[in-house]
C-alpha atoms as a PDB file:
ATOM      1  CA  MET A   1      28.413 107.212  -4.201  1.00  0.00           C
ATOM      2  CA  SER A   2      26.599 106.270  -7.347  1.00  0.00           C
ATOM      3  CA  TYR A   3      23.038 105.052  -7.635  1.00  0.00           C
ATOM      4  CA  TYR A   4      24.251 101.525  -8.106  1.00  0.00           C
ATOM      5  CA  ASP A   5      26.399 101.680  -4.988  1.00  0.00           C
ATOM      6  CA  ASN A   6      23.497 103.070  -2.932  1.00  0.00           C
ATOM      7  CA  LYS A   7      21.183 100.292  -4.093  1.00  0.00           C
ATOM      8  CA  MET A   8      23.723  97.602  -3.435  1.00  0.00           C
ATOM      9  CA  MET A   9      24.324  98.803   0.085  1.00  0.00           C
ATOM     10  CA  SER A  10      20.608  99.052   0.690  1.00  0.00           C
ATOM     11  CA  GLU A  11      20.020  95.511  -0.540  1.00  0.00           C
ATOM     12  CA  LEU A  12      22.844  94.152   1.547  1.00  0.00           C
ATOM     13  CA  GLU A  13      21.514  95.908   4.658  1.00  0.00           C
ATOM     14  CA  ASN A  14      18.097  94.413   4.056  1.00  0.00           C
ATOM     15  CA  GLY A  15      19.473  90.919   3.427  1.00  0.00           C
ATOM     16  CA  ARG A  16      18.632  90.884  -0.243  1.00  0.00           C
ATOM     17  CA  THR A  17      20.736  89.917  -3.233  1.00  0.00           C
ATOM     18  CA  PRO A  18      22.398  93.010  -4.735  1.00  0.00           C
ATOM     19  CA  PRO A  19      21.152  94.037  -8.150  1.00  0.00           C
ATOM     20  CA  ARG A  20      23.202  93.426 -11.215  1.00  0.00           C
ATOM     21  CA  ALA A  21      24.669  96.298 -13.241  1.00  0.00           C
ATOM     22  CA  GLY A  22      22.461  95.481 -16.161  1.00  0.00           C
ATOM     23  CA  ASP A  23      19.447  96.023 -13.963  1.00  0.00           C
ATOM     24  CA  MET A  24      20.325  99.629 -13.224  1.00  0.00           C
ATOM     25  CA  PRO A  25      18.565 102.547 -14.969  1.00  0.00           C
ATOM     26  CA  GLY A  26      20.489 103.711 -17.980  1.00  0.00           C
ATOM     27  CA  GLY A  27      22.329 100.443 -18.146  1.00  0.00           C
ATOM     28  CA  GLY A  28      20.945  99.723 -21.614  1.00  0.00           C
ATOM     29  CA  GLU A  29      18.943  96.754 -20.317  1.00  0.00           C
ATOM     30  CA  GLU A  30      15.698  96.268 -18.528  1.00  0.00           C
ATOM     31  CA  SER A  31      15.374  98.692 -15.629  1.00  0.00           C
ATOM     32  CA  TYR A  32      15.814  97.267 -12.151  1.00  0.00           C
ATOM     33  CA  ARG A  33      12.631  96.172 -10.544  1.00  0.00           C
ATOM     34  CA  PRO A  34      13.396  95.001  -7.012  1.00  0.00           C
ATOM     35  CA  PHE A  35      10.031  93.169  -6.529  1.00  0.00           C
ATOM     36  CA  ARG A  36       9.783  91.631 -10.012  1.00  0.00           C
ATOM     37  CA  ARG A  37      10.661  88.099  -8.857  1.00  0.00           C
ATOM     38  CA  LYS A  38       8.202  88.185  -6.001  1.00  0.00           C
ATOM     39  CA  ALA A  39       5.484  89.455  -8.299  1.00  0.00           C
ATOM     40  CA  ALA A  40       6.318  86.810 -10.824  1.00  0.00           C
ATOM     41  CA  LEU A  41       6.131  84.132  -8.177  1.00  0.00           C
ATOM     42  CA  ARG A  42       2.751  85.397  -7.099  1.00  0.00           C
ATOM     43  CA  ASP A  43       1.516  85.265 -10.677  1.00  0.00           C
ATOM     44  CA  GLU A  44       2.838  81.709 -11.339  1.00  0.00           C
ATOM     45  CA  PRO A  45       0.356  78.949 -10.828  1.00  0.00           C
ATOM     46  CA  LYS A  46       0.888  77.291  -7.534  1.00  0.00           C
ATOM     47  CA  THR A  47       1.490  73.547  -7.447  1.00  0.00           C
ATOM     48  CA  VAL A  48      -0.498  72.007  -4.676  1.00  0.00           C
ATOM     49  CA  LEU A  49       0.753  68.653  -3.502  1.00  0.00           C
ATOM     50  CA  ARG A  50      -2.229  66.580  -2.557  1.00  0.00           C
ATOM     51  CA  GLU A  51      -2.001  63.282  -0.718  1.00  0.00           C
ATOM     52  CA  GLU A  52      -3.916  60.999  -2.920  1.00  0.00           C
ATOM     53  CA  PRO A  53      -6.024  58.484  -1.072  1.00  0.00           C
ATOM     54  CA  VAL A  54      -4.306  55.141  -1.018  1.00  0.00           C
ATOM     55  CA  GLU A  55      -6.393  52.037  -1.122  1.00  0.00           C
ATOM     56  CA  PRO A  56      -5.635  49.932   1.880  1.00  0.00           C
ATOM     57  CA  HIS A  57      -3.413  46.976   1.064  1.00  0.00           C
ATOM     58  CA  ILE A  58      -5.084  43.846   2.252  1.00  0.00           C
ATOM     59  CA  LEU A  59      -2.556  41.289   3.315  1.00  0.00           C
ATOM     60  CA  THR A  60      -4.041  38.011   2.415  1.00  0.00           C
ATOM     61  CA  GLU A  61      -2.505  35.059   4.236  1.00  0.00           C
ATOM     62  CA  GLU A  62      -2.349  31.896   2.218  1.00  0.00           C
ATOM     63  CA  VAL A  63      -4.408  29.344   4.017  1.00  0.00           C
ATOM     64  CA  ARG A  64      -3.668  25.764   3.141  1.00  0.00           C
ATOM     65  CA  VAL A  65      -6.554  23.508   3.770  1.00  0.00           C
ATOM     66  CA  GLU A  66      -5.269  20.005   4.087  1.00  0.00           C
ATOM     67  CA  THR A  67      -7.835  17.471   3.126  1.00  0.00           C
ATOM     68  CA  LEU A  68      -7.737  14.633   5.583  1.00  0.00           C
ATOM     69  CA  PRO A  69      -7.862  11.190   4.035  1.00  0.00           C
ATOM     70  CA  ALA A  70     -11.225   9.618   4.132  1.00  0.00           C
ATOM     71  CA  VAL A  71     -11.620   7.095   6.890  1.00  0.00           C
ATOM     72  CA  LEU A  72     -11.833   3.869   4.994  1.00  0.00           C
ATOM     73  CA  PRO A  73     -13.880   1.081   6.461  1.00  0.00           C
ATOM     74  CA  ASN A  74     -11.902  -1.787   7.942  1.00  0.00           C
ATOM     75  CA  THR A  75     -12.344  -4.470   5.305  1.00  0.00           C
ATOM     76  CA  TRP A  76     -11.059  -7.151   7.632  1.00  0.00           C
ATOM     77  CA  GLU A  77     -13.695  -6.357  10.229  1.00  0.00           C
ATOM     78  CA  GLN A  78     -16.392  -6.313   7.553  1.00  0.00           C
ATOM     79  CA  LEU A  79     -15.815  -9.928   6.581  1.00  0.00           C
ATOM     80  CA  GLN A  80     -18.519 -12.325   7.662  1.00  0.00           C
ATOM     81  CA  SER A  81     -17.505 -14.245  10.771  1.00  0.00           C
ATOM     82  CA  VAL A  82     -17.869 -18.032  10.889  1.00  0.00           C
ATOM     83  CA  SER A  83     -16.884 -20.744  13.360  1.00  0.00           C
ATOM     84  CA  ILE A  84     -14.766 -23.784  12.627  1.00  0.00           C
ATOM     85  CA  SER A  85     -16.732 -26.921  13.390  1.00  0.00           C
ATOM     86  CA  MET A  86     -15.442 -29.682  15.641  1.00  0.00           C
ATOM     87  CA  ARG A  87     -17.414 -32.271  13.701  1.00  0.00           C
ATOM     88  CA  ASP A  88     -15.493 -35.534  13.451  1.00  0.00           C
ATOM     89  CA  GLN A  89     -12.269 -33.848  14.508  1.00  0.00           C
ATOM     90  CA  TYR A  90     -11.480 -36.539  17.040  1.00  0.00           C
ATOM     91  CA  LEU A  91     -12.068 -39.245  14.430  1.00  0.00           C
ATOM     92  CA  SER A  92     -10.561 -37.520  11.412  1.00  0.00           C
ATOM     93  CA  ARG A  93      -7.417 -38.835   9.736  1.00  0.00           C
ATOM     94  CA  ALA A  94      -6.418 -35.215   9.117  1.00  0.00           C
ATOM     95  CA  PRO A  95      -7.273 -33.436  12.392  1.00  0.00           C
ATOM     96  CA  LEU A  96      -6.870 -29.716  12.908  1.00  0.00           C
ATOM     97  CA  VAL A  97      -4.035 -28.729  15.198  1.00  0.00           C
ATOM     98  CA  ASN A  98      -6.243 -26.195  16.983  1.00  0.00           C
ATOM     99  CA  PHE A  99      -7.977 -29.083  18.714  1.00  0.00           C
ATOM    100  CA  PHE A 100      -4.800 -31.048  19.446  1.00  0.00           C
ATOM    101  CA  ARG A 101      -2.338 -28.490  20.755  1.00  0.00           C
ATOM    102  CA  GLU A 102      -0.174 -30.935  22.710  1.00  0.00           C
ATOM    103  CA  THR A 103       0.496 -33.364  19.882  1.00  0.00           C
ATOM    104  CA  PRO A 104       3.833 -33.719  18.031  1.00  0.00           C
ATOM    105  CA  THR A 105       2.050 -32.709  14.829  1.00  0.00           C
ATOM    106  CA  ALA A 106       0.919 -29.415  16.345  1.00  0.00           C
ATOM    107  CA  ARG A 107       4.440 -28.692  17.574  1.00  0.00           C
ATOM    108  CA  ALA A 108       5.858 -29.519  14.145  1.00  0.00           C
ATOM    109  CA  PHE A 109       3.477 -27.051  12.485  1.00  0.00           C
ATOM    110  CA  ASP A 110       4.458 -24.378  14.994  1.00  0.00           C
ATOM    111  CA  ILE A 111       8.124 -24.904  14.131  1.00  0.00           C
ATOM    112  CA  LEU A 112       7.312 -24.718  10.421  1.00  0.00           C
ATOM    113  CA  ARG A 113       5.282 -21.560  11.025  1.00  0.00           C
ATOM    114  CA  THR A 114       8.081 -19.794  12.874  1.00  0.00           C
ATOM    115  CA  ARG A 115      10.765 -20.632  10.323  1.00  0.00           C
ATOM    116  CA  LEU A 116       8.478 -19.641   7.478  1.00  0.00           C
ATOM    117  CA  LEU A 117       7.693 -16.294   9.093  1.00  0.00           C
ATOM    118  CA  GLN A 118      11.387 -15.599   9.586  1.00  0.00           C
ATOM    119  CA  THR A 119      12.092 -16.279   5.921  1.00  0.00           C
ATOM    120  CA  LEU A 120       9.158 -14.201   4.682  1.00  0.00           C
ATOM    121  CA  LYS A 121      10.033 -11.282   6.919  1.00  0.00           C
ATOM    122  CA  HIS A 122      13.676 -11.366   5.885  1.00  0.00           C
ATOM    123  CA  GLU A 123      12.800 -11.358   2.176  1.00  0.00           C
ATOM    124  CA  GLY A 124       9.763  -9.081   2.380  1.00  0.00           C
ATOM    125  CA  TRP A 125       7.448 -11.814   1.047  1.00  0.00           C
ATOM    126  CA  ARG A 126       3.962 -12.945   2.061  1.00  0.00           C
ATOM    127  CA  ARG A 127       2.425 -15.039  -0.767  1.00  0.00           C
ATOM    128  CA  VAL A 128       3.132 -18.748  -0.473  1.00  0.00           C
ATOM    129  CA  ALA A 129       1.814 -21.618  -2.592  1.00  0.00           C
ATOM    130  CA  ILE A 130       1.467 -25.058  -1.026  1.00  0.00           C
ATOM    131  CA  VAL A 131       1.558 -27.940  -3.496  1.00  0.00           C
ATOM    132  CA  ALA A 132       2.318 -31.656  -3.734  1.00  0.00           C
ATOM    133  CA  PRO A 133       3.693 -33.810  -6.567  1.00  0.00           C
ATOM    134  CA  THR A 134       0.542 -35.950  -6.750  1.00  0.00           C
ATOM    135  CA  SER A 135      -2.846 -36.078  -5.074  1.00  0.00           C
ATOM    136  CA  GLY A 136      -3.155 -37.578  -1.625  1.00  0.00           C
ATOM    137  CA  CYS A 137       0.150 -36.230  -0.277  1.00  0.00           C
ATOM    138  CA  GLY A 138      -1.499 -33.888   2.223  1.00  0.00           C
ATOM    139  CA  ALA A 139      -1.166 -30.449   0.630  1.00  0.00           C
ATOM    140  CA  THR A 140      -4.603 -29.312   1.856  1.00  0.00           C
ATOM    141  CA  PHE A 141      -3.951 -30.810   5.307  1.00  0.00           C
ATOM    142  CA  THR A 142      -0.647 -28.910   5.457  1.00  0.00           C
ATOM    143  CA  ALA A 143      -2.096 -25.640   4.157  1.00  0.00           C
ATOM    144  CA  THR A 144      -5.019 -25.710   6.581  1.00  0.00           C
ATOM    145  CA  ASN A 145      -3.005 -26.518   9.696  1.00  0.00           C
ATOM    146  CA  LEU A 146      -0.209 -24.131   8.793  1.00  0.00           C
ATOM    147  CA  ALA A 147      -2.800 -21.374   8.416  1.00  0.00           C
ATOM    148  CA  LEU A 148      -4.256 -22.222  11.831  1.00  0.00           C
ATOM    149  CA  SER A 149      -0.798 -22.159  13.369  1.00  0.00           C
ATOM    150  CA  LEU A 150       0.004 -18.810  11.748  1.00  0.00           C
ATOM    151  CA  ALA A 151      -3.292 -17.420  13.008  1.00  0.00           C
ATOM    152  CA  ARG A 152      -2.259 -18.129  16.586  1.00  0.00           C
ATOM    153  CA  VAL A 153       0.279 -15.296  16.367  1.00  0.00           C
ATOM    154  CA  PRO A 154      -1.311 -12.284  18.134  1.00  0.00           C
ATOM    155  CA  ASP A 155      -2.179  -9.204  16.076  1.00  0.00           C
ATOM    156  CA  SER A 156      -1.490 -10.988  12.789  1.00  0.00           C
ATOM    157  CA  ARG A 157      -3.553 -11.557   9.660  1.00  0.00           C
ATOM    158  CA  THR A 158      -3.445 -14.753   7.636  1.00  0.00           C
ATOM    159  CA  ILE A 159      -5.498 -15.571   4.553  1.00  0.00           C
ATOM    160  CA  LEU A 160      -5.931 -19.119   3.288  1.00  0.00           C
ATOM    161  CA  MET A 161      -7.159 -19.359  -0.307  1.00  0.00           C
ATOM    162  CA  ASP A 162      -8.399 -22.681  -1.679  1.00  0.00           C
ATOM    163  CA  MET A 163      -7.044 -22.414  -5.220  1.00  0.00           C
ATOM    164  CA  ASN A 164      -7.414 -26.142  -5.862  1.00  0.00           C
ATOM    165  CA  MET A 165     -10.372 -25.782  -8.158  1.00  0.00           C
ATOM    166  CA  ARG A 166      -9.791 -29.319  -9.438  1.00  0.00           C
ATOM    167  CA  ASP A 167     -10.556 -30.971  -6.102  1.00  0.00           C
ATOM    168  CA  PRO A 168     -11.277 -28.391  -3.365  1.00  0.00           C
ATOM    169  CA  GLY A 169     -10.761 -29.549   0.203  1.00  0.00           C
ATOM    170  CA  VAL A 170     -10.388 -26.589   2.592  1.00  0.00           C
ATOM    171  CA  LYS A 171     -14.138 -26.221   2.969  1.00  0.00           C
ATOM    172  CA  SER A 172     -14.417 -29.836   4.119  1.00  0.00           C
ATOM    173  CA  ALA A 173     -11.349 -29.654   6.364  1.00  0.00           C
ATOM    174  CA  LEU A 174     -12.674 -26.644   8.257  1.00  0.00           C
ATOM    175  CA  ASP A 175     -16.314 -27.719   7.955  1.00  0.00           C
ATOM    176  CA  ILE A 176     -17.541 -24.233   7.100  1.00  0.00           C
ATOM    177  CA  ALA A 177     -19.853 -23.076   4.352  1.00  0.00           C
ATOM    178  CA  ALA A 178     -18.515 -21.173   1.355  1.00  0.00           C
ATOM    179  CA  LEU A 179     -19.872 -17.647   1.123  1.00  0.00           C
ATOM    180  CA  GLY A 180     -19.303 -17.321  -2.628  1.00  0.00           C
ATOM    181  CA  GLN A 181     -17.725 -19.166  -5.488  1.00  0.00           C
ATOM    182  CA  GLN A 182     -13.973 -18.821  -5.814  1.00  0.00           C
ATOM    183  CA  GLN A 183     -14.196 -18.630  -9.598  1.00  0.00           C
ATOM    184  CA  LYS A 184     -16.542 -15.641  -9.517  1.00  0.00           C
ATOM    185  CA  PHE A 185     -14.318 -13.821  -7.055  1.00  0.00           C
ATOM    186  CA  LEU A 186     -11.202 -14.386  -9.152  1.00  0.00           C
ATOM    187  CA  ASP A 187     -12.809 -13.155 -12.361  1.00  0.00           C
ATOM    188  CA  GLY A 188     -14.150 -10.038 -10.667  1.00  0.00           C
ATOM    189  CA  GLN A 189     -17.834 -10.932 -10.402  1.00  0.00           C
ATOM    190  CA  HIS A 190     -17.907 -11.101  -6.584  1.00  0.00           C
ATOM    191  CA  ALA A 191     -16.572  -8.468  -4.215  1.00  0.00           C
ATOM    192  CA  LEU A 192     -14.088  -9.337  -1.502  1.00  0.00           C
ATOM    193  CA  GLN A 193     -16.655  -8.944   1.270  1.00  0.00           C
ATOM    194  CA  ASP A 194     -18.966 -11.314  -0.580  1.00  0.00           C
ATOM    195  CA  HIS A 195     -16.389 -14.086  -0.727  1.00  0.00           C
ATOM    196  CA  LEU A 196     -13.922 -14.212   2.154  1.00  0.00           C
ATOM    197  CA  VAL A 197     -15.080 -15.344   5.579  1.00  0.00           C
ATOM    198  CA  ARG A 198     -13.277 -14.767   8.853  1.00  0.00           C
ATOM    199  CA  CYS A 199     -12.740 -17.759  11.126  1.00  0.00           C
ATOM    200  CA  SER A 200     -11.133 -15.663  13.878  1.00  0.00           C
ATOM    201  CA  ASN A 201      -9.635 -12.253  14.459  1.00  0.00           C
ATOM    202  CA  THR A 202      -6.464 -13.428  12.719  1.00  0.00           C
ATOM    203  CA  LEU A 203      -7.601 -15.857   9.996  1.00  0.00           C
ATOM    204  CA  ALA A 204      -9.739 -15.436   6.868  1.00  0.00           C
ATOM    205  CA  VAL A 205     -10.383 -18.020   4.155  1.00  0.00           C
ATOM    206  CA  GLY A 206     -11.525 -17.975   0.565  1.00  0.00           C
ATOM    207  CA  LEU A 207     -13.289 -21.215  -0.281  1.00  0.00           C
ATOM    208  CA  THR A 208     -13.991 -23.172  -3.435  1.00  0.00           C
ATOM    209  CA  ASP A 209     -17.239 -25.109  -3.330  1.00  0.00           C
ATOM    210  CA  THR A 210     -17.337 -26.564  -6.825  1.00  0.00           C
ATOM    211  CA  ALA A 211     -14.710 -27.980  -9.179  1.00  0.00           C
ATOM    212  CA  SER A 212     -13.724 -26.184 -12.367  1.00  0.00           C
ATOM    213  CA  THR A 213     -12.224 -27.530 -15.582  1.00  0.00           C
ATOM    214  CA  ASN A 214     -10.690 -24.222 -16.693  1.00  0.00           C
ATOM    215  CA  ALA A 215      -8.762 -23.517 -13.488  1.00  0.00           C
ATOM    216  CA  ALA A 216      -5.375 -22.950 -15.129  1.00  0.00           C
ATOM    217  CA  GLU A 217      -6.823 -20.468 -17.610  1.00  0.00           C
ATOM    218  CA  LEU A 218      -8.471 -18.558 -14.785  1.00  0.00           C
ATOM    219  CA  LEU A 219      -5.349 -18.528 -12.613  1.00  0.00           C
ATOM    220  CA  GLN A 220      -3.243 -16.853 -15.305  1.00  0.00           C
ATOM    221  CA  SER A 221      -5.883 -14.318 -16.321  1.00  0.00           C
ATOM    222  CA  GLN A 222      -5.480 -10.616 -15.742  1.00  0.00           C
ATOM    223  CA  ALA A 223      -8.735 -10.497 -13.770  1.00  0.00           C
ATOM    224  CA  CYS A 224      -7.399 -13.071 -11.312  1.00  0.00           C
ATOM    225  CA  GLY A 225      -4.223 -11.111 -10.699  1.00  0.00           C
ATOM    226  CA  GLU A 226      -6.140  -7.890 -10.200  1.00  0.00           C
ATOM    227  CA  ALA A 227      -8.582  -9.502  -7.757  1.00  0.00           C
ATOM    228  CA  LEU A 228      -5.784 -10.970  -5.623  1.00  0.00           C
ATOM    229  CA  ASP A 229      -3.746  -7.762  -5.695  1.00  0.00           C
ATOM    230  CA  ALA A 230      -6.797  -5.786  -4.589  1.00  0.00           C
ATOM    231  CA  MET A 231      -7.437  -8.297  -1.802  1.00  0.00           C
ATOM    232  CA  ILE A 232      -3.921  -7.856  -0.439  1.00  0.00           C
ATOM    233  CA  GLU A 233      -4.130  -4.075  -0.782  1.00  0.00           C
ATOM    234  CA  ASP A 234      -7.455  -3.874   1.062  1.00  0.00           C
ATOM    235  CA  VAL A 235      -6.824  -6.407   3.831  1.00  0.00           C
ATOM    236  CA  GLN A 236      -3.043  -6.042   4.295  1.00  0.00           C
ATOM    237  CA  PRO A 237      -2.422  -9.612   5.459  1.00  0.00           C
ATOM    238  CA  ASP A 238       0.882 -10.771   6.886  1.00  0.00           C
ATOM    239  CA  VAL A 239       0.761 -14.106   5.037  1.00  0.00           C
ATOM    240  CA  VAL A 240      -1.395 -15.467   2.211  1.00  0.00           C
ATOM    241  CA  LEU A 241      -1.381 -19.247   1.678  1.00  0.00           C
ATOM    242  CA  TYR A 242      -2.607 -20.673  -1.631  1.00  0.00           C
ATOM    243  CA  ASP A 243      -3.587 -24.338  -1.687  1.00  0.00           C
ATOM    244  CA  LEU A 244      -3.002 -25.513  -5.281  1.00  0.00           C
ATOM    245  CA  PRO A 245      -3.550 -28.769  -7.235  1.00  0.00           C
ATOM    246  CA  PRO A 246      -0.782 -31.406  -7.655  1.00  0.00           C
ATOM    247  CA  VAL A 247       2.172 -30.150  -9.679  1.00  0.00           C
ATOM    248  CA  LEU A 248       2.610 -33.266 -11.836  1.00  0.00           C
ATOM    249  CA  ALA A 249      -1.083 -33.613 -12.632  1.00  0.00           C
ATOM    250  CA  HIS A 250      -1.975 -30.065 -13.743  1.00  0.00           C
ATOM    251  CA  ASP A 251      -0.354 -26.859 -14.907  1.00  0.00           C
ATOM    252  CA  ASP A 252      -2.086 -24.700 -12.304  1.00  0.00           C
ATOM    253  CA  LEU A 253       1.095 -23.925 -10.368  1.00  0.00           C
ATOM    254  CA  THR A 254       2.914 -22.925 -13.550  1.00  0.00           C
ATOM    255  CA  ALA A 255       0.027 -20.658 -14.506  1.00  0.00           C
ATOM    256  CA  PHE A 256      -0.031 -19.108 -11.033  1.00  0.00           C
ATOM    257  CA  MET A 257       3.675 -18.441 -10.483  1.00  0.00           C
ATOM    258  CA  GLY A 258       3.323 -14.740 -11.203  1.00  0.00           C
ATOM    259  CA  GLN A 259       1.151 -14.368  -8.102  1.00  0.00           C
ATOM    260  CA  ILE A 260       3.389 -16.017  -5.502  1.00  0.00           C
ATOM    261  CA  ASP A 261       6.681 -15.332  -3.734  1.00  0.00           C
ATOM    262  CA  GLY A 262       7.606 -18.910  -2.900  1.00  0.00           C
ATOM    263  CA  VAL A 263       6.521 -22.559  -2.831  1.00  0.00           C
ATOM    264  CA  LEU A 264       6.257 -25.179  -0.092  1.00  0.00           C
ATOM    265  CA  LEU A 265       6.329 -28.686  -1.541  1.00  0.00           C
ATOM    266  CA  VAL A 266       4.575 -31.445   0.429  1.00  0.00           C
ATOM    267  CA  SER A 267       5.801 -34.975  -0.133  1.00  0.00           C
ATOM    268  CA  ASP A 268       4.269 -38.155   1.260  1.00  0.00           C
ATOM    269  CA  GLY A 269       6.531 -40.635   2.955  1.00  0.00           C
ATOM    270  CA  GLU A 270       4.395 -43.515   1.764  1.00  0.00           C
ATOM    271  CA  GLN A 271       3.959 -42.663  -1.911  1.00  0.00           C
ATOM    272  CA  THR A 272       6.175 -39.809  -3.124  1.00  0.00           C
ATOM    273  CA  THR A 273       9.364 -40.808  -4.907  1.00  0.00           C
ATOM    274  CA  SER A 274      12.593 -38.892  -5.216  1.00  0.00           C
ATOM    275  CA  ASP A 275      12.053 -38.663  -8.982  1.00  0.00           C
ATOM    276  CA  GLN A 276       8.726 -36.948  -8.421  1.00  0.00           C
ATOM    277  CA  VAL A 277      10.319 -34.426  -6.091  1.00  0.00           C
ATOM    278  CA  LYS A 278      13.045 -33.733  -8.664  1.00  0.00           C
ATOM    279  CA  ALA A 279      10.418 -33.327 -11.381  1.00  0.00           C
ATOM    280  CA  CYS A 280       8.598 -30.752  -9.246  1.00  0.00           C
ATOM    281  CA  GLU A 281      11.835 -28.897  -8.548  1.00  0.00           C
ATOM    282  CA  LYS A 282      12.499 -28.778 -12.278  1.00  0.00           C
ATOM    283  CA  ILE A 283       9.044 -27.337 -12.983  1.00  0.00           C
ATOM    284  CA  ILE A 284       9.443 -24.725 -10.285  1.00  0.00           C
ATOM    285  CA  GLY A 285      12.937 -24.041 -11.580  1.00  0.00           C
ATOM    286  CA  GLY A 286      14.144 -20.516 -11.049  1.00  0.00           C
ATOM    287  CA  HIS A 287      10.721 -18.948 -11.481  1.00  0.00           C
ATOM    288  CA  VAL A 288      10.010 -18.753  -7.739  1.00  0.00           C
ATOM    289  CA  PRO A 289      12.009 -19.889  -4.697  1.00  0.00           C
ATOM    290  CA  LEU A 290      11.375 -23.343  -3.273  1.00  0.00           C
ATOM    291  CA  LEU A 291      10.992 -22.474   0.401  1.00  0.00           C
ATOM    292  CA  GLY A 292      11.066 -26.040   1.645  1.00  0.00           C
ATOM    293  CA  VAL A 293      10.072 -29.680   1.183  1.00  0.00           C
ATOM    294  CA  ILE A 294       7.746 -31.011   3.866  1.00  0.00           C
ATOM    295  CA  LEU A 295       7.685 -34.729   4.562  1.00  0.00           C
ATOM    296  CA  ASN A 296       4.217 -35.880   5.526  1.00  0.00           C
ATOM    297  CA  ARG A 297       3.621 -39.318   7.031  1.00  0.00           C
ATOM    298  CA  GLY A 298       7.328 -40.018   7.028  1.00  0.00           C
ATOM    299  CA  ARG A 299       8.623 -43.018   8.893  1.00  0.00           C
ATOM    300  CA  GLY A 300       9.460 -41.723  12.347  1.00  0.00           C
ATOM    301  CA  SER A 301       8.682 -38.213  11.147  1.00  0.00           C
ATOM    302  CA  ARG A 302       6.680 -35.627  13.050  1.00  0.00           C
ATOM    303  CA  LEU A 303       6.491 -33.275  10.058  1.00  0.00           C
ATOM    304  CA  GLU A 304       9.789 -31.780  11.161  1.00  0.00           C
ATOM    305  CA  ALA A 305      11.898 -32.989   8.238  1.00  0.00           C
ATOM    306  CA  TYR A 306      11.876 -30.091   5.815  1.00  0.00           C
ATOM    307  CA  ALA A 307      14.410 -27.914   4.135  1.00  0.00           C
ATOM    308  CA  SER A 308      14.401 -24.152   4.543  1.00  0.00           C
END
């Protein structure tokens, strides 16, 4: 057996890989060195695998902080409270229905109130102007008593605004003092709390104490619209009634149409003519809906003859 065969058998017996022929002595190549690979491995630089420190991963949970809305003061409750006087109510030609609940007039106003509320709720409206063709027809009387009737609805809010700055009458009808001038409130000089007064838990009024010659100009001003819009936004009333001057005598209603949802026209059975009613209907036209025509002091009427 040759040297190569002896080495191969020896390597196989020891579990090693047999040498190649080129590794044998005299093979013309590099002599066989059985431990060359091991020596080479010992001489090679060793690669040490180190576990590099890992920075801890901080799981940050997104925390949403919801800012609660600020608790706004109740503007309605902040209004100055006043009491309606009973002075001369039993002798007045235009008594308040609050003091005469069992009269036909009081019942007629309750019927008007209920039908009006149904219409406003159905249409999503709440701003109503109350006017008459000429002076003396009872527009202020109607506006005041309708407001009192509306205010009898529990958990409601009604605002009555005396916008008749030609001849104001709500202050006298209710016999209460005006807290501030209507003109200064409408042009933004007075705050809401410095003008409106609350007659009950369900009724507030804005009074005019002095007449004004530039009422129509004020009613169509931007400041007026902003003041009334802010009032509705702050107080959130169910109904706002605006008592306005006679339609055929002034242009106040025409100037104010952008601020209302509908009109109640009060006619007098003793002085209003059909031509005057038609003239008012023509002025109102299609600008705002005519919610009804109320007949005041009609022959045999108990204020129940109105269209809706």
